[in-house]
PDB file of N, CA and C in Angstrom:
ATOM      1  N   MET A   1       0.570 -14.190  -8.251  1.00  0.00           N
ATOM      2  CA  MET A   1       0.692 -13.060  -7.067  1.00  0.00           C
ATOM      3  C   MET A   1      -1.071 -11.967  -7.236  1.00  0.00           C
ATOM      4  N   ALA A   2      -0.858 -12.097  -5.610  1.00  0.00           N
ATOM      5  CA  ALA A   2      -2.147 -11.332  -5.142  1.00  0.00           C
ATOM      6  C   ALA A   2      -2.319  -9.989  -5.812  1.00  0.00           C
ATOM      7  N   LYS A   3      -3.478  -9.418  -5.882  1.00  0.00           N
ATOM      8  CA  LYS A   3      -3.751  -7.768  -6.754  1.00  0.00           C
ATOM      9  C   LYS A   3      -3.264  -6.826  -5.587  1.00  0.00           C
ATOM     10  N   SER A   4      -2.515  -5.943  -6.129  1.00  0.00           N
ATOM     11  CA  SER A   4      -1.997  -4.789  -5.312  1.00  0.00           C
ATOM     12  C   SER A   4      -2.495  -3.435  -5.057  1.00  0.00           C
ATOM     13  N   TYR A   5      -3.222  -2.815  -4.354  1.00  0.00           N
ATOM     14  CA  TYR A   5      -3.394  -1.550  -4.546  1.00  0.00           C
ATOM     15  C   TYR A   5      -2.845  -0.361  -4.101  1.00  0.00           C
ATOM     16  N   TRP A   6      -2.469   0.395  -4.788  1.00  0.00           N
ATOM     17  CA  TRP A   6      -1.741   1.725  -4.959  1.00  0.00           C
ATOM     18  C   TRP A   6      -2.316   2.828  -3.972  1.00  0.00           C
ATOM     19  N   LEU A   7      -1.307   3.777  -3.319  1.00  0.00           N
ATOM     20  CA  LEU A   7      -1.697   5.284  -3.066  1.00  0.00           C
ATOM     21  C   LEU A   7      -0.518   5.875  -3.016  1.00  0.00           C
ATOM     22  N   ILE A   8      -0.797   7.036  -3.506  1.00  0.00           N
ATOM     23  CA  ILE A   8       0.436   8.046  -3.207  1.00  0.00           C
ATOM     24  C   ILE A   8       0.121   9.639  -2.985  1.00  0.00           C
ATOM     25  N   ASN A   9       0.302  10.097  -2.105  1.00  0.00           N
ATOM     26  CA  ASN A   9       0.577  11.284  -1.333  1.00  0.00           C
ATOM     27  C   ASN A   9       0.735  12.255  -2.377  1.00  0.00           C
ATOM     28  N   SER A  10       0.130  13.479  -1.837  1.00  0.00           N
ATOM     29  CA  SER A  10      -0.643  14.723  -2.844  1.00  0.00           C
ATOM     30  C   SER A  10       0.844  15.182  -3.031  1.00  0.00           C
ATOM     31  N   ASN A  11       2.354  15.226  -2.076  1.00  0.00           N
ATOM     32  CA  ASN A  11       3.255  15.829  -2.479  1.00  0.00           C
ATOM     33  C   ASN A  11       4.278  14.697  -3.586  1.00  0.00           C
ATOM     34  N   SER A  12       3.349  13.700  -3.965  1.00  0.00           N
ATOM     35  CA  SER A  12       4.566  12.855  -4.578  1.00  0.00           C
ATOM     36  C   SER A  12       5.813  12.180  -4.014  1.00  0.00           C
ATOM     37  N   SER A  13       5.719  12.072  -2.690  1.00  0.00           N
ATOM     38  CA  SER A  13       7.119  12.157  -2.182  1.00  0.00           C
ATOM     39  C   SER A  13       7.008  10.636  -1.740  1.00  0.00           C
ATOM     40  N   GLU A  14       5.688   9.869  -1.222  1.00  0.00           N
ATOM     41  CA  GLU A  14       5.586   8.332  -0.754  1.00  0.00           C
ATOM     42  C   GLU A  14       4.421   7.645  -1.028  1.00  0.00           C
ATOM     43  N   VAL A  15       4.509   6.400  -1.147  1.00  0.00           N
ATOM     44  CA  VAL A  15       3.595   5.559  -1.496  1.00  0.00           C
ATOM     45  C   VAL A  15       3.013   4.677  -0.563  1.00  0.00           C
ATOM     46  N   ARG A  16       2.349   4.167  -0.665  1.00  0.00           N
ATOM     47  CA  ARG A  16       1.525   2.854  -0.096  1.00  0.00           C
ATOM     48  C   ARG A  16       1.375   1.941  -0.778  1.00  0.00           C
ATOM     49  N   ARG A  17       1.443   0.730  -0.376  1.00  0.00           N
ATOM     50  CA  ARG A  17       1.008  -0.430  -1.430  1.00  0.00           C
ATOM     51  C   ARG A  17       0.270  -1.485  -0.663  1.00  0.00           C
ATOM     52  N   PHE A  18      -1.070  -2.085  -0.703  1.00  0.00           N
ATOM     53  CA  PHE A  18      -1.845  -2.522   0.187  1.00  0.00           C
ATOM     54  C   PHE A  18      -1.719  -3.842  -0.562  1.00  0.00           C
ATOM     55  N   ILE A  19      -1.739  -4.896  -0.107  1.00  0.00           N
ATOM     56  CA  ILE A  19      -1.618  -6.267  -0.760  1.00  0.00           C
ATOM     57  C   ILE A  19      -1.921  -7.350   0.205  1.00  0.00           C
ATOM     58  N   LYS A  20      -2.747  -8.498  -0.181  1.00  0.00           N
ATOM     59  CA  LYS A  20      -3.573  -9.555   0.783  1.00  0.00           C
ATOM     60  C   LYS A  20      -2.403 -10.374   1.020  1.00  0.00           C
ATOM     61  N   ASN A  21      -2.288 -11.034   1.727  1.00  0.00           N
ATOM     62  CA  ASN A  21      -1.263 -11.687   2.277  1.00  0.00           C
ATOM     63  C   ASN A  21      -1.960 -13.476   2.140  1.00  0.00           C
ATOM     64  N   ASP A  22      -1.707 -13.581   1.018  1.00  0.00           N
ATOM     65  CA  ASP A  22      -1.898 -15.035   0.885  1.00  0.00           C
ATOM     66  C   ASP A  22      -1.520 -16.305   1.824  1.00  0.00           C
ATOM     67  N   LYS A  23      -0.684 -15.937   2.554  1.00  0.00           N
ATOM     68  CA  LYS A  23      -0.508 -16.925   3.394  1.00  0.00           C
ATOM     69  C   LYS A  23      -1.149 -17.276   5.016  1.00  0.00           C
ATOM     70  N   SER A  24      -2.237 -16.174   5.075  1.00  0.00           N
ATOM     71  CA  SER A  24      -3.036 -16.424   5.991  1.00  0.00           C
ATOM     72  C   SER A  24      -4.218 -16.754   5.534  1.00  0.00           C
ATOM     73  N   ILE A  25      -4.153 -17.848   4.419  1.00  0.00           N
ATOM     74  CA  ILE A  25      -5.638 -18.093   4.009  1.00  0.00           C
ATOM     75  C   ILE A  25      -6.358 -19.522   4.921  1.00  0.00           C
ATOM     76  N   ASP A  26      -5.104 -20.372   5.967  1.00  0.00           N
ATOM     77  CA  ASP A  26      -5.895 -20.790   6.878  1.00  0.00           C
ATOM     78  C   ASP A  26      -6.039 -20.751   7.842  1.00  0.00           C
ATOM     79  N   LEU A  27      -5.713 -18.938   8.275  1.00  0.00           N
ATOM     80  CA  LEU A  27      -6.350 -18.267   9.460  1.00  0.00           C
ATOM     81  C   LEU A  27      -7.763 -17.920   9.784  1.00  0.00           C
ATOM     82  N   PRO A  28      -7.900 -17.705  10.588  1.00  0.00           N
ATOM     83  CA  PRO A  28     -10.130 -17.071  10.723  1.00  0.00           C
ATOM     84  C   PRO A  28     -10.008 -15.501  10.387  1.00  0.00           C
ATOM     85  N   VAL A  29      -8.635 -15.251  10.505  1.00  0.00           N
ATOM     86  CA  VAL A  29      -8.623 -13.794  10.018  1.00  0.00           C
ATOM     87  C   VAL A  29      -7.736 -13.643   9.043  1.00  0.00           C
ATOM     88  N   GLU A  30      -8.479 -12.675   8.003  1.00  0.00           N
ATOM     89  CA  GLU A  30      -7.931 -12.453   6.671  1.00  0.00           C
ATOM     90  C   GLU A  30      -6.907 -11.112   7.307  1.00  0.00           C
ATOM     91  N   TYR A  31      -5.149 -11.462   6.436  1.00  0.00           N
ATOM     92  CA  TYR A  31      -4.929 -10.102   7.063  1.00  0.00           C
ATOM     93  C   TYR A  31      -3.966  -9.429   5.410  1.00  0.00           C
ATOM     94  N   MET A  32      -3.467  -8.323   5.672  1.00  0.00           N
ATOM     95  CA  MET A  32      -3.004  -7.718   4.432  1.00  0.00           C
ATOM     96  C   MET A  32      -1.699  -6.889   5.260  1.00  0.00           C
ATOM     97  N   PHE A  33      -0.997  -6.935   4.159  1.00  0.00           N
ATOM     98  CA  PHE A  33       0.451  -5.946   3.898  1.00  0.00           C
ATOM     99  C   PHE A  33      -0.018  -4.876   3.557  1.00  0.00           C
ATOM    100  N   ILE A  34       0.722  -3.732   4.400  1.00  0.00           N
ATOM    101  CA  ILE A  34       0.897  -2.438   4.056  1.00  0.00           C
ATOM    102  C   ILE A  34       2.266  -1.971   3.968  1.00  0.00           C
ATOM    103  N   ASP A  35       2.644  -1.816   2.270  1.00  0.00           N
ATOM    104  CA  ASP A  35       4.021  -1.740   2.527  1.00  0.00           C
ATOM    105  C   ASP A  35       4.287  -0.081   2.351  1.00  0.00           C
ATOM    106  N   SER A  36       5.083   0.807   3.245  1.00  0.00           N
ATOM    107  CA  SER A  36       5.286   2.292   2.794  1.00  0.00           C
ATOM    108  C   SER A  36       6.850   2.033   1.824  1.00  0.00           C
ATOM    109  N   GLY A  37       6.590   3.652   0.903  1.00  0.00           N
ATOM    110  CA  GLY A  37       7.848   3.761   0.613  1.00  0.00           C
ATOM    111  C   GLY A  37       8.072   5.279   0.149  1.00  0.00           C
ATOM    112  N   GLU A  38       8.940   5.504  -0.149  1.00  0.00           N
ATOM    113  CA  GLU A  38       9.378   6.675  -0.478  1.00  0.00           C
ATOM    114  C   GLU A  38       9.744   7.230  -2.241  1.00  0.00           C
ATOM    115  N   ILE A  39       9.303   8.321  -2.286  1.00  0.00           N
ATOM    116  CA  ILE A  39      10.147   8.435  -4.162  1.00  0.00           C
ATOM    117  C   ILE A  39      11.300   9.019  -4.227  1.00  0.00           C
ATOM    118  N   VAL A  40      12.083   7.757  -5.101  1.00  0.00           N
ATOM    119  CA  VAL A  40      13.540   8.799  -5.308  1.00  0.00           C
ATOM    120  C   VAL A  40      13.458   8.803  -7.090  1.00  0.00           C
ATOM    121  N   GLY A  41      14.120  10.153  -7.175  1.00  0.00           N
ATOM    122  CA  GLY A  41      13.977  10.317  -8.367  1.00  0.00           C
ATOM    123  C   GLY A  41      12.614  10.672  -9.058  1.00  0.00           C
ATOM    124  N   VAL A  42      12.441  10.294 -10.413  1.00  0.00           N
ATOM    125  CA  VAL A  42      11.297  10.560 -11.176  1.00  0.00           C
ATOM    126  C   VAL A  42      10.292   9.734 -11.019  1.00  0.00           C
ATOM    127  N   LEU A  43       8.983   9.967 -10.602  1.00  0.00           N
ATOM    128  CA  LEU A  43       8.116   8.703 -10.448  1.00  0.00           C
ATOM    129  C   LEU A  43       7.523   8.288 -11.471  1.00  0.00           C
ATOM    130  N   GLY A  44       7.918   6.623 -11.866  1.00  0.00           N
ATOM    131  CA  GLY A  44       7.346   6.348 -13.004  1.00  0.00           C
ATOM    132  C   GLY A  44       8.958   5.534 -13.599  1.00  0.00           C
ATOM    133  N   LYS A  45      10.175   6.324 -13.278  1.00  0.00           N
ATOM    134  CA  LYS A  45      11.552   6.085 -13.944  1.00  0.00           C
ATOM    135  C   LYS A  45      12.236   4.941 -12.690  1.00  0.00           C
ATOM    136  N   GLU A  46      12.131   5.045 -11.680  1.00  0.00           N
ATOM    137  CA  GLU A  46      12.117   3.934 -10.501  1.00  0.00           C
ATOM    138  C   GLU A  46      11.448   3.688  -9.835  1.00  0.00           C
ATOM    139  N   PRO A  47      11.195   3.003  -9.277  1.00  0.00           N
ATOM    140  CA  PRO A  47      10.158   2.361  -8.199  1.00  0.00           C
ATOM    141  C   PRO A  47      10.438   2.756  -6.989  1.00  0.00           C
ATOM    142  N   PRO A  48       9.595   3.351  -6.087  1.00  0.00           N
ATOM    143  CA  PRO A  48       9.742   3.680  -4.975  1.00  0.00           C
ATOM    144  C   PRO A  48      10.837   2.660  -3.559  1.00  0.00           C
ATOM    145  N   GLU A  49      11.441   3.278  -3.084  1.00  0.00           N
ATOM    146  CA  GLU A  49      12.349   2.557  -2.382  1.00  0.00           C
ATOM    147  C   GLU A  49      11.547   2.277  -1.054  1.00  0.00           C
ATOM    148  N   MET A  50      11.485   1.291  -0.923  1.00  0.00           N
ATOM    149  CA  MET A  50      10.166   0.636   0.721  1.00  0.00           C
ATOM    150  C   MET A  50      10.846   0.961   1.438  1.00  0.00           C
ATOM    151  N   THR A  51      10.349   1.029   2.514  1.00  0.00           N
ATOM    152  CA  THR A  51      11.021   1.628   3.662  1.00  0.00           C
ATOM    153  C   THR A  51      10.042   0.454   5.338  1.00  0.00           C
ATOM    154  N   THR A  52       9.218   0.145   5.069  1.00  0.00           N
ATOM    155  CA  THR A  52       8.228  -0.312   6.072  1.00  0.00           C
ATOM    156  C   THR A  52       7.554  -1.215   5.281  1.00  0.00           C
ATOM    157  N   THR A  53       7.137  -2.453   6.008  1.00  0.00           N
ATOM    158  CA  THR A  53       6.116  -3.189   6.066  1.00  0.00           C
ATOM    159  C   THR A  53       5.461  -3.514   7.461  1.00  0.00           C
ATOM    160  N   ILE A  54       4.166  -3.506   7.238  1.00  0.00           N
ATOM    161  CA  ILE A  54       3.037  -4.111   8.182  1.00  0.00           C
ATOM    162  C   ILE A  54       1.994  -5.103   7.701  1.00  0.00           C
ATOM    163  N   SER A  55       1.585  -5.706   8.937  1.00  0.00           N
ATOM    164  CA  SER A  55       0.492  -7.040   8.718  1.00  0.00           C
ATOM    165  C   SER A  55      -1.021  -6.377   9.409  1.00  0.00           C
ATOM    166  N   VAL A  56      -1.668  -6.217   9.026  1.00  0.00           N
ATOM    167  CA  VAL A  56      -3.249  -6.079   9.684  1.00  0.00           C
ATOM    168  C   VAL A  56      -3.849  -6.539   9.526  1.00  0.00           C
ATOM    169  N   ASP A  57      -5.271  -7.084  10.117  1.00  0.00           N
ATOM    170  CA  ASP A  57      -6.733  -7.185   9.569  1.00  0.00           C
ATOM    171  C   ASP A  57      -6.834  -6.790   8.993  1.00  0.00           C
ATOM    172  N   ILE A  58      -7.663  -7.288   7.769  1.00  0.00           N
ATOM    173  CA  ILE A  58      -8.506  -6.969   6.553  1.00  0.00           C
ATOM    174  C   ILE A  58      -8.988  -5.602   6.780  1.00  0.00           C
ATOM    175  N   ASP A  59      -9.665  -5.803   7.902  1.00  0.00           N
ATOM    176  CA  ASP A  59     -10.660  -4.907   8.128  1.00  0.00           C
ATOM    177  C   ASP A  59     -10.033  -3.317   8.507  1.00  0.00           C
ATOM    178  N   LEU A  60      -8.867  -3.838   9.258  1.00  0.00           N
ATOM    179  CA  LEU A  60      -7.928  -2.825   9.717  1.00  0.00           C
ATOM    180  C   LEU A  60      -7.495  -1.588   8.210  1.00  0.00           C
ATOM    181  N   ALA A  61      -7.145  -2.944   7.538  1.00  0.00           N
ATOM    182  CA  ALA A  61      -6.229  -2.191   6.289  1.00  0.00           C
ATOM    183  C   ALA A  61      -7.219  -1.347   5.107  1.00  0.00           C
ATOM    184  N   ARG A  62      -8.640  -1.536   5.079  1.00  0.00           N
ATOM    185  CA  ARG A  62      -9.876  -0.966   4.905  1.00  0.00           C
ATOM    186  C   ARG A  62      -9.939   0.468   5.325  1.00  0.00           C
ATOM    187  N   GLU A  63      -9.913   0.425   6.679  1.00  0.00           N
ATOM    188  CA  GLU A  63      -9.801   1.599   7.789  1.00  0.00           C
ATOM    189  C   GLU A  63      -8.796   2.414   6.949  1.00  0.00           C
ATOM    190  N   ILE A  64      -7.742   1.865   7.077  1.00  0.00           N
ATOM    191  CA  ILE A  64      -6.023   2.532   6.769  1.00  0.00           C
ATOM    192  C   ILE A  64      -6.672   3.355   5.581  1.00  0.00           C
ATOM    193  N   TYR A  65      -7.034   2.554   4.542  1.00  0.00           N
ATOM    194  CA  TYR A  65      -7.127   3.346   3.188  1.00  0.00           C
ATOM    195  C   TYR A  65      -7.781   3.949   2.891  1.00  0.00           C
ATOM    196  N   GLU A  66      -9.219   4.039   3.549  1.00  0.00           N
ATOM    197  CA  GLU A  66      -9.888   5.114   3.046  1.00  0.00           C
ATOM    198  C   GLU A  66      -9.771   6.581   4.213  1.00  0.00           C
ATOM    199  N   ARG A  67      -9.271   6.210   4.802  1.00  0.00           N
ATOM    200  CA  ARG A  67      -8.393   7.218   5.747  1.00  0.00           C
ATOM    201  C   ARG A  67      -7.741   8.230   4.841  1.00  0.00           C
ATOM    202  N   LEU A  68      -6.947   7.270   4.318  1.00  0.00           N
ATOM    203  CA  LEU A  68      -5.971   7.962   3.260  1.00  0.00           C
ATOM    204  C   LEU A  68      -6.108   8.836   2.558  1.00  0.00           C
ATOM    205  N   LEU A  69      -7.346   7.926   1.955  1.00  0.00           N
ATOM    206  CA  LEU A  69      -7.758   8.503   0.219  1.00  0.00           C
ATOM    207  C   LEU A  69      -8.634  10.147   1.367  1.00  0.00           C
ATOM    208  N   SER A  70      -8.942  10.144   2.130  1.00  0.00           N
ATOM    209  CA  SER A  70      -9.714  11.110   2.751  1.00  0.00           C
ATOM    210  C   SER A  70      -8.780  12.174   3.147  1.00  0.00           C
ATOM    211  N   GLN A  71      -7.755  12.012   3.337  1.00  0.00           N
ATOM    212  CA  GLN A  71      -6.505  12.845   3.357  1.00  0.00           C
ATOM    213  C   GLN A  71      -6.185  13.130   2.201  1.00  0.00           C
ATOM    214  N   GLY A  72      -6.644  12.687   1.126  1.00  0.00           N
ATOM    215  CA  GLY A  72      -5.951  13.543  -0.234  1.00  0.00           C
ATOM    216  C   GLY A  72      -4.835  12.757  -1.092  1.00  0.00           C
ATOM    217  N   TRP A  73      -4.661  11.421  -0.241  1.00  0.00           N
ATOM    218  CA  TRP A  73      -3.626  10.384  -0.812  1.00  0.00           C
ATOM    219  C   TRP A  73      -4.835  10.093  -2.427  1.00  0.00           C
ATOM    220  N   ILE A  74      -4.196   9.758  -3.285  1.00  0.00           N
ATOM    221  CA  ILE A  74      -4.460   9.445  -4.655  1.00  0.00           C
ATOM    222  C   ILE A  74      -4.303   7.921  -5.058  1.00  0.00           C
ATOM    223  N   LYS A  75      -5.401   7.199  -5.532  1.00  0.00           N
ATOM    224  CA  LYS A  75      -4.793   6.183  -6.719  1.00  0.00           C
ATOM    225  C   LYS A  75      -4.331   5.720  -7.603  1.00  0.00           C
ATOM    226  N   ILE A  76      -3.063   5.306  -8.118  1.00  0.00           N
ATOM    227  CA  ILE A  76      -2.254   4.860  -8.628  1.00  0.00           C
ATOM    228  C   ILE A  76      -1.974   3.667  -8.901  1.00  0.00           C
ATOM    229  N   LYS A  77      -1.816   3.141 -10.224  1.00  0.00           N
ATOM    230  CA  LYS A  77      -1.012   1.967 -10.825  1.00  0.00           C
ATOM    231  C   LYS A  77      -0.266   1.203  -9.889  1.00  0.00           C
ATOM    232  N   PRO A  78       0.249   0.188  -9.997  1.00  0.00           N
ATOM    233  CA  PRO A  78       1.369  -0.556  -9.561  1.00  0.00           C
ATOM    234  C   PRO A  78       2.298   0.238  -9.749  1.00  0.00           C
ATOM    235  N   ALA A  79       3.229   0.443  -8.735  1.00  0.00           N
ATOM    236  CA  ALA A  79       4.877   1.719  -8.819  1.00  0.00           C
ATOM    237  C   ALA A  79       5.361   0.867  -9.437  1.00  0.00           C
ATOM    238  N   TRP A  80       5.836  -1.041  -9.462  1.00  0.00           N
ATOM    239  CA  TRP A  80       6.181  -1.665  -9.847  1.00  0.00           C
ATOM    240  C   TRP A  80       6.383  -3.014 -10.310  1.00  0.00           C
TER     241      TRP A  80
END
């Protein structure tokens, strides 16, 4: 499975997972999935409830990742 990169917002209420779409190898543009989820219960005791998934080209995914970091989101270890 591809390596994933996780961010959590400053309220510890939302997470984002960035993971490369390995199925896009044959395409000229690489894509990443961005999963969004909500924290239910205590962080770390239960996995987040994933609510949406989008697929974007890798350059846009990098822009979104950097923008979230600049807005105070924090890098975390995989949530599940």
